[in-house]
PDB file of all heavy atoms in Angstrom:
ATOM      1  N   TYR A   1       0.841  -1.248  -0.005  1.00  0.00           N
ATOM      2  CA  TYR A   1       0.039  -0.031  -0.058  1.00  0.00           C
ATOM      3  C   TYR A   1       0.865   1.282   0.023  1.00  0.00           C
ATOM      4  O   TYR A   1       1.919   1.292   0.669  1.00  0.00           O
ATOM      5  CB  TYR A   1      -0.941  -0.043   1.215  1.00  0.00           C
ATOM      6  CG  TYR A   1      -2.079  -0.776   1.084  1.00  0.00           C
ATOM      7  CD1 TYR A   1      -2.635  -1.477   2.196  1.00  0.00           C
ATOM      8  CD2 TYR A   1      -2.882  -0.736  -0.076  1.00  0.00           C
ATOM      9  CE1 TYR A   1      -3.741  -2.268   2.139  1.00  0.00           C
ATOM     10  CE2 TYR A   1      -4.070  -1.489  -0.236  1.00  0.00           C
ATOM     11  CZ  TYR A   1      -4.487  -2.214   0.896  1.00  0.00           C
ATOM     12  OH  TYR A   1      -5.688  -2.969   0.841  1.00  0.00           O
ATOM     13  N   ASN A   2       0.582   2.206  -0.680  1.00  0.00           N
ATOM     14  CA  ASN A   2       1.072   3.538  -0.765  1.00  0.00           C
ATOM     15  C   ASN A   2       0.112   4.507  -0.077  1.00  0.00           C
ATOM     16  O   ASN A   2      -0.922   4.919  -0.646  1.00  0.00           O
ATOM     17  CB  ASN A   2       1.509   3.959  -2.134  1.00  0.00           C
ATOM     18  CG  ASN A   2       2.309   5.337  -1.987  1.00  0.00           C
ATOM     19  OD1 ASN A   2       2.921   5.611  -1.014  1.00  0.00           O
ATOM     20  ND2 ASN A   2       2.287   6.024  -3.104  1.00  0.00           N
ATOM     21  N   LEU A   3       0.240   5.009   1.129  1.00  0.00           N
ATOM     22  CA  LEU A   3      -0.668   5.828   2.002  1.00  0.00           C
ATOM     23  C   LEU A   3      -0.109   7.241   1.991  1.00  0.00           C
ATOM     24  O   LEU A   3       1.091   7.451   2.326  1.00  0.00           O
ATOM     25  CB  LEU A   3      -0.746   5.231   3.283  1.00  0.00           C
ATOM     26  CG  LEU A   3      -1.253   3.814   3.525  1.00  0.00           C
ATOM     27  CD1 LEU A   3      -1.294   3.434   4.916  1.00  0.00           C
ATOM     28  CD2 LEU A   3      -2.520   3.539   2.778  1.00  0.00           C
ATOM     29  N   VAL A   4      -0.890   8.173   1.712  1.00  0.00           N
ATOM     30  CA  VAL A   4      -0.563   9.557   1.775  1.00  0.00           C
ATOM     31  C   VAL A   4      -1.598  10.292   2.685  1.00  0.00           C
ATOM     32  O   VAL A   4      -2.832  10.277   2.398  1.00  0.00           O
ATOM     33  CB  VAL A   4      -0.662  10.208   0.327  1.00  0.00           C
ATOM     34  CG1 VAL A   4      -0.242  11.790   0.411  1.00  0.00           C
ATOM     35  CG2 VAL A   4       0.335   9.509  -0.615  1.00  0.00           C
ATOM     36  N   LYS A   5      -1.132  10.898   3.797  1.00  0.00           N
ATOM     37  CA  LYS A   5      -1.858  11.749   4.743  1.00  0.00           C
ATOM     38  C   LYS A   5      -1.480  13.149   4.641  1.00  0.00           C
ATOM     39  O   LYS A   5      -0.327  13.505   4.730  1.00  0.00           O
ATOM     40  CB  LYS A   5      -1.711  11.115   6.181  1.00  0.00           C
ATOM     41  CG  LYS A   5      -2.330  11.941   7.269  1.00  0.00           C
ATOM     42  CD  LYS A   5      -3.831  11.762   7.242  1.00  0.00           C
ATOM     43  CE  LYS A   5      -4.559  12.277   8.376  1.00  0.00           C
ATOM     44  NZ  LYS A   5      -5.938  12.345   8.385  1.00  0.00           N
ATOM     45  N   LYS A   6      -2.478  13.930   4.407  1.00  0.00           N
ATOM     46  CA  LYS A   6      -2.227  15.440   4.358  1.00  0.00           C
ATOM     47  C   LYS A   6      -2.828  16.178   5.524  1.00  0.00           C
ATOM     48  O   LYS A   6      -3.854  15.841   5.934  1.00  0.00           O
ATOM     49  CB  LYS A   6      -2.788  15.916   2.993  1.00  0.00           C
ATOM     50  CG  LYS A   6      -2.148  15.333   1.759  1.00  0.00           C
ATOM     51  CD  LYS A   6      -2.684  15.928   0.468  1.00  0.00           C
ATOM     52  CE  LYS A   6      -1.998  15.423  -0.735  1.00  0.00           C
ATOM     53  NZ  LYS A   6      -2.560  15.987  -2.017  1.00  0.00           N
ATOM     54  N   TYR A   7      -2.096  17.248   5.824  1.00  0.00           N
ATOM     55  CA  TYR A   7      -2.490  18.132   6.912  1.00  0.00           C
ATOM     56  C   TYR A   7      -2.438  19.578   6.469  1.00  0.00           C
ATOM     57  O   TYR A   7      -1.564  19.964   5.853  1.00  0.00           O
ATOM     58  CB  TYR A   7      -1.762  17.999   8.249  1.00  0.00           C
ATOM     59  CG  TYR A   7      -1.731  16.503   8.864  1.00  0.00           C
ATOM     60  CD1 TYR A   7      -0.726  15.667   8.399  1.00  0.00           C
ATOM     61  CD2 TYR A   7      -2.557  16.177   9.790  1.00  0.00           C
ATOM     62  CE1 TYR A   7      -0.796  14.544   8.936  1.00  0.00           C
ATOM     63  CE2 TYR A   7      -2.680  14.896  10.319  1.00  0.00           C
ATOM     64  CZ  TYR A   7      -1.706  14.019   9.859  1.00  0.00           C
ATOM     65  OH  TYR A   7      -1.695  12.736  10.388  1.00  0.00           O
ATOM     66  N   GLY A   8      -3.500  20.402   6.862  1.00  0.00           N
ATOM     67  CA  GLY A   8      -3.524  21.777   6.648  1.00  0.00           C
ATOM     68  C   GLY A   8      -2.860  22.481   7.809  1.00  0.00           C
ATOM     69  O   GLY A   8      -3.536  22.468   8.992  1.00  0.00           O
ATOM     70  N   LEU A   9      -1.743  23.290   7.739  1.00  0.00           N
ATOM     71  CA  LEU A   9      -1.155  23.986   8.826  1.00  0.00           C
ATOM     72  C   LEU A   9      -1.034  25.528   8.551  1.00  0.00           C
ATOM     73  O   LEU A   9      -0.937  25.886   7.362  1.00  0.00           O
ATOM     74  CB  LEU A   9       0.272  23.393   9.073  1.00  0.00           C
ATOM     75  CG  LEU A   9       0.440  21.872   9.120  1.00  0.00           C
ATOM     76  CD1 LEU A   9       1.933  21.512   9.448  1.00  0.00           C
ATOM     77  CD2 LEU A   9      -0.394  21.352  10.249  1.00  0.00           C
ATOM     78  N   THR A  10      -0.981  26.185   9.652  1.00  0.00           N
ATOM     79  CA  THR A  10      -0.744  27.713   9.547  1.00  0.00           C
ATOM     80  C   THR A  10      -0.192  28.316  10.794  1.00  0.00           C
ATOM     81  O   THR A  10      -0.066  27.562  11.806  1.00  0.00           O
ATOM     82  CB  THR A  10      -2.112  28.385   9.291  1.00  0.00           C
ATOM     83  OG1 THR A  10      -1.937  29.743   8.815  1.00  0.00           O
ATOM     84  CG2 THR A  10      -2.998  28.431  10.418  1.00  0.00           C
ATOM     85  N   GLN A  11       0.126  29.531  10.720  1.00  0.00           N
ATOM     86  CA  GLN A  11       0.736  30.242  11.782  1.00  0.00           C
ATOM     87  C   GLN A  11       0.347  31.687  11.733  1.00  0.00           C
ATOM     88  O   GLN A  11       0.327  32.354  10.680  1.00  0.00           O
ATOM     89  CB  GLN A  11       2.221  30.111  11.963  1.00  0.00           C
ATOM     90  CG  GLN A  11       2.951  30.849  13.035  1.00  0.00           C
ATOM     91  CD  GLN A  11       2.471  30.568  14.402  1.00  0.00           C
ATOM     92  OE1 GLN A  11       1.716  31.361  14.964  1.00  0.00           O
ATOM     93  NE2 GLN A  11       2.845  29.409  14.985  1.00  0.00           N
ATOM     94  N   PHE A  12       0.028  32.322  12.989  1.00  0.00           N
ATOM     95  CA  PHE A  12      -0.428  33.690  12.806  1.00  0.00           C
ATOM     96  C   PHE A  12       0.622  34.692  13.468  1.00  0.00           C
ATOM     97  O   PHE A  12       0.277  35.859  13.597  1.00  0.00           O
ATOM     98  CB  PHE A  12      -1.796  33.871  13.627  1.00  0.00           C
ATOM     99  CG  PHE A  12      -2.934  33.052  13.020  1.00  0.00           C
ATOM    100  CD1 PHE A  12      -3.245  31.781  13.512  1.00  0.00           C
ATOM    101  CD2 PHE A  12      -3.654  33.510  11.942  1.00  0.00           C
ATOM    102  CE1 PHE A  12      -4.172  30.954  12.933  1.00  0.00           C
ATOM    103  CE2 PHE A  12      -4.600  32.685  11.317  1.00  0.00           C
ATOM    104  CZ  PHE A  12      -4.918  31.522  11.751  1.00  0.00           C
ATOM    105  N   ASP A  13       1.769  34.340  13.772  1.00  0.00           N
ATOM    106  CA  ASP A  13       2.829  35.123  14.179  1.00  0.00           C
ATOM    107  C   ASP A  13       4.006  34.912  13.164  1.00  0.00           C
ATOM    108  O   ASP A  13       4.289  33.833  12.832  1.00  0.00           O
ATOM    109  CB  ASP A  13       3.230  34.825  15.549  1.00  0.00           C
ATOM    110  CG  ASP A  13       2.172  35.161  16.539  1.00  0.00           C
ATOM    111  OD1 ASP A  13       1.607  36.227  16.346  1.00  0.00           O
ATOM    112  OD2 ASP A  13       2.033  34.485  17.541  1.00  0.00           O
ATOM    113  N   SER A  14       4.534  36.043  12.785  1.00  0.00           N
ATOM    114  CA  SER A  14       5.746  35.940  11.856  1.00  0.00           C
ATOM    115  C   SER A  14       7.031  35.350  12.555  1.00  0.00           C
ATOM    116  O   SER A  14       7.135  35.406  13.874  1.00  0.00           O
ATOM    117  CB  SER A  14       6.081  37.329  11.289  1.00  0.00           C
ATOM    118  OG  SER A  14       6.343  38.204  12.337  1.00  0.00           O
ATOM    119  N   GLY A  15       7.823  34.850  11.793  1.00  0.00           N
ATOM    120  CA  GLY A  15       9.012  34.336  12.408  1.00  0.00           C
ATOM    121  C   GLY A  15       9.432  32.942  11.645  1.00  0.00           C
ATOM    122  O   GLY A  15       8.826  32.483  10.754  1.00  0.00           O
ATOM    123  N   ALA A  16      10.612  32.435  12.157  1.00  0.00           N
ATOM    124  CA  ALA A  16      11.145  31.206  11.565  1.00  0.00           C
ATOM    125  C   ALA A  16      10.761  30.077  12.473  1.00  0.00           C
ATOM    126  O   ALA A  16      11.070  30.114  13.658  1.00  0.00           O
ATOM    127  CB  ALA A  16      12.659  31.204  11.381  1.00  0.00           C
ATOM    128  N   TYR A  17      10.003  29.104  12.057  1.00  0.00           N
ATOM    129  CA  TYR A  17       9.609  27.952  12.897  1.00  0.00           C
ATOM    130  C   TYR A  17      10.015  26.624  12.327  1.00  0.00           C
ATOM    131  O   TYR A  17      10.431  26.480  11.082  1.00  0.00           O
ATOM    132  CB  TYR A  17       8.050  27.897  12.925  1.00  0.00           C
ATOM    133  CG  TYR A  17       7.452  29.196  13.447  1.00  0.00           C
ATOM    134  CD1 TYR A  17       7.006  30.293  12.560  1.00  0.00           C
ATOM    135  CD2 TYR A  17       7.164  29.268  14.869  1.00  0.00           C
ATOM    136  CE1 TYR A  17       6.473  31.423  13.214  1.00  0.00           C
ATOM    137  CE2 TYR A  17       6.627  30.482  15.456  1.00  0.00           C
ATOM    138  CZ  TYR A  17       6.278  31.556  14.543  1.00  0.00           C
ATOM    139  OH  TYR A  17       5.806  32.585  15.082  1.00  0.00           O
ATOM    140  N   THR A  18      10.069  25.676  13.176  1.00  0.00           N
ATOM    141  CA  THR A  18      10.498  24.263  12.933  1.00  0.00           C
ATOM    142  C   THR A  18       9.302  23.320  13.238  1.00  0.00           C
ATOM    143  O   THR A  18       8.795  23.340  14.323  1.00  0.00           O
ATOM    144  CB  THR A  18      11.638  23.847  13.681  1.00  0.00           C
ATOM    145  OG1 THR A  18      12.748  24.777  13.390  1.00  0.00           O
ATOM    146  CG2 THR A  18      12.000  22.427  13.403  1.00  0.00           C
ATOM    147  N   ILE A  19       8.853  22.722  12.145  1.00  0.00           N
ATOM    148  CA  ILE A  19       7.885  21.674  12.394  1.00  0.00           C
ATOM    149  C   ILE A  19       8.433  20.378  13.035  1.00  0.00           C
ATOM    150  O   ILE A  19       9.342  19.830  12.431  1.00  0.00           O
ATOM    151  CB  ILE A  19       7.143  21.367  11.093  1.00  0.00           C
ATOM    152  CG1 ILE A  19       6.484  22.563  10.485  1.00  0.00           C
ATOM    153  CG2 ILE A  19       5.992  20.279  11.310  1.00  0.00           C
ATOM    154  CD1 ILE A  19       5.834  22.259   9.187  1.00  0.00           C
ATOM    155  N   PRO A  20       8.127  20.054  14.234  1.00  0.00           N
ATOM    156  CA  PRO A  20       8.774  18.970  14.873  1.00  0.00           C
ATOM    157  C   PRO A  20       8.621  17.641  14.164  1.00  0.00           C
ATOM    158  O   PRO A  20       7.659  17.421  13.303  1.00  0.00           O
ATOM    159  CB  PRO A  20       8.122  18.943  16.278  1.00  0.00           C
ATOM    160  CG  PRO A  20       6.767  19.529  16.085  1.00  0.00           C
ATOM    161  CD  PRO A  20       6.910  20.584  15.058  1.00  0.00           C
ATOM    162  N   ARG A  21       9.395  16.661  14.528  1.00  0.00           N
ATOM    163  CA  ARG A  21       9.256  15.322  14.006  1.00  0.00           C
ATOM    164  C   ARG A  21       7.911  14.725  14.327  1.00  0.00           C
ATOM    165  O   ARG A  21       7.415  15.047  15.476  1.00  0.00           O
ATOM    166  CB  ARG A  21      10.380  14.465  14.528  1.00  0.00           C
ATOM    167  CG  ARG A  21      11.733  14.898  14.201  1.00  0.00           C
ATOM    168  CD  ARG A  21      12.774  13.823  14.611  1.00  0.00           C
ATOM    169  NE  ARG A  21      12.654  13.510  16.016  1.00  0.00           N
ATOM    170  CZ  ARG A  21      13.151  12.429  16.544  1.00  0.00           C
ATOM    171  NH1 ARG A  21      13.775  11.500  15.858  1.00  0.00           N
ATOM    172  NH2 ARG A  21      13.055  12.211  17.883  1.00  0.00           N
ATOM    173  N   GLN A  22       7.282  14.020  13.503  1.00  0.00           N
ATOM    174  CA  GLN A  22       6.027  13.385  13.614  1.00  0.00           C
ATOM    175  C   GLN A  22       6.183  11.826  13.836  1.00  0.00           C
ATOM    176  O   GLN A  22       7.035  11.242  13.138  1.00  0.00           O
ATOM    177  CB  GLN A  22       5.043  13.697  12.435  1.00  0.00           C
ATOM    178  CG  GLN A  22       4.832  15.095  12.345  1.00  0.00           C
ATOM    179  CD  GLN A  22       4.218  15.788  13.521  1.00  0.00           C
ATOM    180  OE1 GLN A  22       3.149  15.326  14.052  1.00  0.00           O
ATOM    181  NE2 GLN A  22       4.739  16.840  13.974  1.00  0.00           N
ATOM    182  N   LYS A  23       5.414  11.379  14.768  1.00  0.00           N
ATOM    183  CA  LYS A  23       5.467   9.910  15.092  1.00  0.00           C
ATOM    184  C   LYS A  23       4.361   9.131  14.258  1.00  0.00           C
ATOM    185  O   LYS A  23       3.197   9.493  14.346  1.00  0.00           O
ATOM    186  CB  LYS A  23       5.237   9.693  16.543  1.00  0.00           C
ATOM    187  CG  LYS A  23       5.354   8.243  16.978  1.00  0.00           C
ATOM    188  CD  LYS A  23       5.375   8.173  18.516  1.00  0.00           C
ATOM    189  CE  LYS A  23       4.114   8.610  19.029  1.00  0.00           C
ATOM    190  NZ  LYS A  23       4.023   8.352  20.610  1.00  0.00           N
ATOM    191  N   ILE A  24       4.987   8.151  13.609  1.00  0.00           N
ATOM    192  CA  ILE A  24       4.019   7.146  12.752  1.00  0.00           C
ATOM    193  C   ILE A  24       4.188   5.828  13.328  1.00  0.00           C
ATOM    194  O   ILE A  24       5.384   5.286  13.397  1.00  0.00           O
ATOM    195  CB  ILE A  24       4.280   7.333  11.253  1.00  0.00           C
ATOM    196  CG1 ILE A  24       3.950   8.652  10.796  1.00  0.00           C
ATOM    197  CG2 ILE A  24       3.425   6.318  10.566  1.00  0.00           C
ATOM    198  CD1 ILE A  24       5.110   9.581  10.695  1.00  0.00           C
ATOM    199  N   ILE A  25       3.133   5.112  13.587  1.00  0.00           N
ATOM    200  CA  ILE A  25       3.259   3.750  14.067  1.00  0.00           C
ATOM    201  C   ILE A  25       2.776   2.821  13.023  1.00  0.00           C
ATOM    202  O   ILE A  25       1.619   2.971  12.487  1.00  0.00           O
ATOM    203  CB  ILE A  25       2.404   3.569  15.374  1.00  0.00           C
ATOM    204  CG1 ILE A  25       2.901   4.560  16.447  1.00  0.00           C
ATOM    205  CG2 ILE A  25       2.391   2.186  15.796  1.00  0.00           C
ATOM    206  CD1 ILE A  25       1.951   4.599  17.682  1.00  0.00           C
ATOM    207  N   ILE A  26       3.610   1.918  12.572  1.00  0.00           N
ATOM    208  CA  ILE A  26       3.339   0.912  11.551  1.00  0.00           C
ATOM    209  C   ILE A  26       3.469  -0.522  12.199  1.00  0.00           C
ATOM    210  O   ILE A  26       4.603  -0.924  12.524  1.00  0.00           O
ATOM    211  CB  ILE A  26       4.247   1.043  10.369  1.00  0.00           C
ATOM    212  CG1 ILE A  26       4.183   2.364   9.801  1.00  0.00           C
ATOM    213  CG2 ILE A  26       3.891   0.053   9.328  1.00  0.00           C
ATOM    214  CD1 ILE A  26       5.102   2.667   8.657  1.00  0.00           C
ATOM    215  N   GLY A  27       2.332  -1.083  12.394  1.00  0.00           N
ATOM    216  CA  GLY A  27       2.358  -2.394  13.145  1.00  0.00           C
ATOM    217  C   GLY A  27       2.788  -2.169  14.584  1.00  0.00           C
ATOM    218  O   GLY A  27       2.180  -1.356  15.301  1.00  0.00           O
ATOM    219  N   ASP A  28       3.813  -2.868  14.943  1.00  0.00           N
ATOM    220  CA  ASP A  28       4.448  -2.639  16.350  1.00  0.00           C
ATOM    221  C   ASP A  28       5.689  -1.884  16.273  1.00  0.00           C
ATOM    222  O   ASP A  28       6.504  -1.835  17.250  1.00  0.00           O
ATOM    223  CB  ASP A  28       4.651  -3.939  16.973  1.00  0.00           C
ATOM    224  CG  ASP A  28       5.565  -4.913  16.240  1.00  0.00           C
ATOM    225  OD1 ASP A  28       5.910  -4.526  15.079  1.00  0.00           O
ATOM    226  OD2 ASP A  28       5.946  -5.992  16.720  1.00  0.00           O
ATOM    227  N   LYS A  29       5.972  -1.091  15.186  1.00  0.00           N
ATOM    228  CA  LYS A  29       7.148  -0.316  15.026  1.00  0.00           C
ATOM    229  C   LYS A  29       6.882   1.144  14.981  1.00  0.00           C
ATOM    230  O   LYS A  29       5.726   1.544  14.535  1.00  0.00           O
ATOM    231  CB  LYS A  29       7.936  -0.699  13.729  1.00  0.00           C
ATOM    232  CG  LYS A  29       8.221  -2.220  13.448  1.00  0.00           C
ATOM    233  CD  LYS A  29       9.230  -2.783  14.647  1.00  0.00           C
ATOM    234  CE  LYS A  29       9.604  -4.084  14.455  1.00  0.00           C
ATOM    235  NZ  LYS A  29      10.618  -4.639  15.546  1.00  0.00           N
ATOM    236  N   THR A  30       7.745   1.961  15.378  1.00  0.00           N
ATOM    237  CA  THR A  30       7.498   3.426  15.457  1.00  0.00           C
ATOM    238  C   THR A  30       8.547   4.124  14.530  1.00  0.00           C
ATOM    239  O   THR A  30       9.817   3.811  14.592  1.00  0.00           O
ATOM    240  CB  THR A  30       7.647   3.947  16.842  1.00  0.00           C
ATOM    241  OG1 THR A  30       6.714   3.323  17.718  1.00  0.00           O
ATOM    242  CG2 THR A  30       7.379   5.406  16.912  1.00  0.00           C
ATOM    243  N   PHE A  31       8.092   5.001  13.726  1.00  0.00           N
ATOM    244  CA  PHE A  31       8.943   5.736  12.810  1.00  0.00           C
ATOM    245  C   PHE A  31       8.745   7.314  13.071  1.00  0.00           C
ATOM    246  O   PHE A  31       7.666   7.682  13.579  1.00  0.00           O
ATOM    247  CB  PHE A  31       8.554   5.442  11.377  1.00  0.00           C
ATOM    248  CG  PHE A  31       8.851   4.109  10.969  1.00  0.00           C
ATOM    249  CD1 PHE A  31       7.888   3.068  11.242  1.00  0.00           C
ATOM    250  CD2 PHE A  31       9.985   3.678  10.330  1.00  0.00           C
ATOM    251  CE1 PHE A  31       8.138   1.753  10.874  1.00  0.00           C
ATOM    252  CE2 PHE A  31      10.267   2.344   9.915  1.00  0.00           C
ATOM    253  CZ  PHE A  31       9.242   1.438  10.240  1.00  0.00           C
ATOM    254  N   PHE A  32       9.733   8.075  12.754  1.00  0.00           N
ATOM    255  CA  PHE A  32       9.714   9.468  12.963  1.00  0.00           C
ATOM    256  C   PHE A  32      10.073  10.191  11.636  1.00  0.00           C
ATOM    257  O   PHE A  32      11.064   9.739  10.990  1.00  0.00           O
ATOM    258  CB  PHE A  32      10.644   9.936  14.067  1.00  0.00           C
ATOM    259  CG  PHE A  32      10.229   9.622  15.394  1.00  0.00           C
ATOM    260  CD1 PHE A  32      10.647   8.398  16.031  1.00  0.00           C
ATOM    261  CD2 PHE A  32       9.333  10.481  16.120  1.00  0.00           C
ATOM    262  CE1 PHE A  32      10.185   8.112  17.361  1.00  0.00           C
ATOM    263  CE2 PHE A  32       8.846  10.070  17.353  1.00  0.00           C
ATOM    264  CZ  PHE A  32       9.241   8.938  18.003  1.00  0.00           C
ATOM    265  N   THR A  33       9.328  11.265  11.220  1.00  0.00           N
ATOM    266  CA  THR A  33       9.662  11.954  10.089  1.00  0.00           C
ATOM    267  C   THR A  33      10.839  12.945  10.452  1.00  0.00           C
ATOM    268  O   THR A  33      11.215  13.140  11.585  1.00  0.00           O
ATOM    269  CB  THR A  33       8.590  12.749   9.598  1.00  0.00           C
ATOM    270  OG1 THR A  33       8.074  13.668  10.510  1.00  0.00           O
ATOM    271  CG2 THR A  33       7.284  11.820   9.282  1.00  0.00           C
ATOM    272  N   ASP A  34      11.439  13.613   9.464  1.00  0.00           N
ATOM    273  CA  ASP A  34      12.396  14.674   9.655  1.00  0.00           C
ATOM    274  C   ASP A  34      11.624  16.016  10.020  1.00  0.00           C
ATOM    275  O   ASP A  34      10.546  16.187   9.588  1.00  0.00           O
ATOM    276  CB  ASP A  34      13.178  14.910   8.381  1.00  0.00           C
ATOM    277  CG  ASP A  34      14.036  13.668   8.120  1.00  0.00           C
ATOM    278  OD1 ASP A  34      14.416  12.999   8.997  1.00  0.00           O
ATOM    279  OD2 ASP A  34      14.328  13.518   6.824  1.00  0.00           O
ATOM    280  N   SER A  35      12.274  16.721  10.830  1.00  0.00           N
ATOM    281  CA  SER A  35      11.764  18.140  11.081  1.00  0.00           C
ATOM    282  C   SER A  35      11.985  18.996   9.895  1.00  0.00           C
ATOM    283  O   SER A  35      12.915  18.827   9.183  1.00  0.00           O
ATOM    284  CB  SER A  35      12.342  18.726  12.349  1.00  0.00           C
ATOM    285  OG  SER A  35      13.830  18.760  12.222  1.00  0.00           O
ATOM    286  N   LEU A  36      10.974  19.891   9.733  1.00  0.00           N
ATOM    287  CA  LEU A  36      11.074  20.813   8.591  1.00  0.00           C
ATOM    288  C   LEU A  36      10.955  22.269   9.072  1.00  0.00           C
ATOM    289  O   LEU A  36      10.254  22.582   9.970  1.00  0.00           O
ATOM    290  CB  LEU A  36       9.867  20.508   7.650  1.00  0.00           C
ATOM    291  CG  LEU A  36       9.803  19.087   7.073  1.00  0.00           C
ATOM    292  CD1 LEU A  36       8.561  18.928   6.358  1.00  0.00           C
ATOM    293  CD2 LEU A  36      10.996  18.787   6.184  1.00  0.00           C
ATOM    294  N   LYS A  37      11.689  23.128   8.324  1.00  0.00           N
ATOM    295  CA  LYS A  37      11.623  24.599   8.703  1.00  0.00           C
ATOM    296  C   LYS A  37      10.717  25.353   7.777  1.00  0.00           C
ATOM    297  O   LYS A  37      10.601  25.050   6.597  1.00  0.00           O
ATOM    298  CB  LYS A  37      13.069  25.170   8.602  1.00  0.00           C
ATOM    299  CG  LYS A  37      14.070  24.635   9.623  1.00  0.00           C
ATOM    300  CD  LYS A  37      15.376  25.291   9.497  1.00  0.00           C
ATOM    301  CE  LYS A  37      16.333  24.891  10.611  1.00  0.00           C
ATOM    302  NZ  LYS A  37      17.637  25.579  10.564  1.00  0.00           N
ATOM    303  N   VAL A  38       9.978  26.313   8.456  1.00  0.00           N
ATOM    304  CA  VAL A  38       9.066  27.097   7.653  1.00  0.00           C
ATOM    305  C   VAL A  38       9.335  28.607   8.063  1.00  0.00           C
ATOM    306  O   VAL A  38       9.490  28.970   9.196  1.00  0.00           O
ATOM    307  CB  VAL A  38       7.559  26.730   8.059  1.00  0.00           C
ATOM    308  CG1 VAL A  38       6.603  27.695   7.314  1.00  0.00           C
ATOM    309  CG2 VAL A  38       7.353  25.325   7.639  1.00  0.00           C
ATOM    310  N   GLU A  39       9.262  29.463   7.079  1.00  0.00           N
ATOM    311  CA  GLU A  39       9.416  30.948   7.246  1.00  0.00           C
ATOM    312  C   GLU A  39       8.039  31.611   7.233  1.00  0.00           C
ATOM    313  O   GLU A  39       7.310  31.462   6.129  1.00  0.00           O
ATOM    314  CB  GLU A  39      10.369  31.489   6.272  1.00  0.00           C
ATOM    315  CG  GLU A  39      10.684  32.951   6.603  1.00  0.00           C
ATOM    316  CD  GLU A  39      11.770  33.122   7.743  1.00  0.00           C
ATOM    317  OE1 GLU A  39      12.486  32.157   7.937  1.00  0.00           O
ATOM    318  OE2 GLU A  39      11.793  34.291   8.288  1.00  0.00           O
ATOM    319  N   VAL A  40       7.582  32.357   8.284  1.00  0.00           N
ATOM    320  CA  VAL A  40       6.177  32.913   8.136  1.00  0.00           C
ATOM    321  C   VAL A  40       6.480  34.439   8.098  1.00  0.00           C
ATOM    322  O   VAL A  40       7.255  34.947   8.926  1.00  0.00           O
ATOM    323  CB  VAL A  40       5.405  32.717   9.405  1.00  0.00           C
ATOM    324  CG1 VAL A  40       4.034  33.383   9.320  1.00  0.00           C
ATOM    325  CG2 VAL A  40       5.180  31.145   9.560  1.00  0.00           C
ATOM    326  N   ASN A  41       6.035  35.073   6.997  1.00  0.00           N
ATOM    327  CA  ASN A  41       6.332  36.511   6.687  1.00  0.00           C
ATOM    328  C   ASN A  41       5.142  37.329   7.051  1.00  0.00           C
ATOM    329  O   ASN A  41       3.966  36.870   6.940  1.00  0.00           O
ATOM    330  CB  ASN A  41       6.740  36.657   5.255  1.00  0.00           C
ATOM    331  CG  ASN A  41       7.938  35.753   4.920  1.00  0.00           C
ATOM    332  OD1 ASN A  41       8.915  35.822   5.584  1.00  0.00           O
ATOM    333  ND2 ASN A  41       7.815  35.048   3.825  1.00  0.00           N
ATOM    334  N   ASN A  42       5.378  38.612   7.344  1.00  0.00           N
ATOM    335  CA  ASN A  42       4.372  39.530   7.629  1.00  0.00           C
ATOM    336  C   ASN A  42       3.665  39.874   6.300  1.00  0.00           C
ATOM    337  O   ASN A  42       4.134  39.854   5.219  1.00  0.00           O
ATOM    338  CB  ASN A  42       4.976  40.814   8.198  1.00  0.00           C
ATOM    339  CG  ASN A  42       5.312  40.653   9.699  1.00  0.00           C
ATOM    340  OD1 ASN A  42       4.516  40.070  10.332  1.00  0.00           O
ATOM    341  ND2 ASN A  42       6.467  41.199  10.041  1.00  0.00           N
ATOM    342  N   VAL A  43       2.478  40.346   6.453  1.00  0.00           N
ATOM    343  CA  VAL A  43       1.679  40.790   5.212  1.00  0.00           C
ATOM    344  C   VAL A  43       1.786  42.279   5.049  1.00  0.00           C
ATOM    345  O   VAL A  43       1.485  42.978   6.023  1.00  0.00           O
ATOM    346  CB  VAL A  43       0.160  40.365   5.376  1.00  0.00           C
ATOM    347  CG1 VAL A  43      -0.595  40.908   4.174  1.00  0.00           C
ATOM    348  CG2 VAL A  43       0.107  38.839   5.478  1.00  0.00           C
ATOM    349  N   VAL A  44       2.392  42.682   3.942  1.00  0.00           N
ATOM    350  CA  VAL A  44       2.465  44.110   3.692  1.00  0.00           C
ATOM    351  C   VAL A  44       1.214  44.839   3.355  1.00  0.00           C
ATOM    352  O   VAL A  44       0.605  44.255   2.433  1.00  0.00           O
ATOM    353  CB  VAL A  44       3.620  44.489   2.597  1.00  0.00           C
ATOM    354  CG1 VAL A  44       3.807  45.916   2.520  1.00  0.00           C
ATOM    355  CG2 VAL A  44       4.926  43.694   3.044  1.00  0.00           C
TER     356      VAL A  44
END
């Protein structure tokens, strides 16, 4: 199976943020995704 799970994310304060690692459980095993950086800019 190829499973794709999507999430809608946002932030209401400007700045540089890091999305933390996410935990996925497959059977009796635990996997973690990589952390990702996001830049939130002010609206001119």
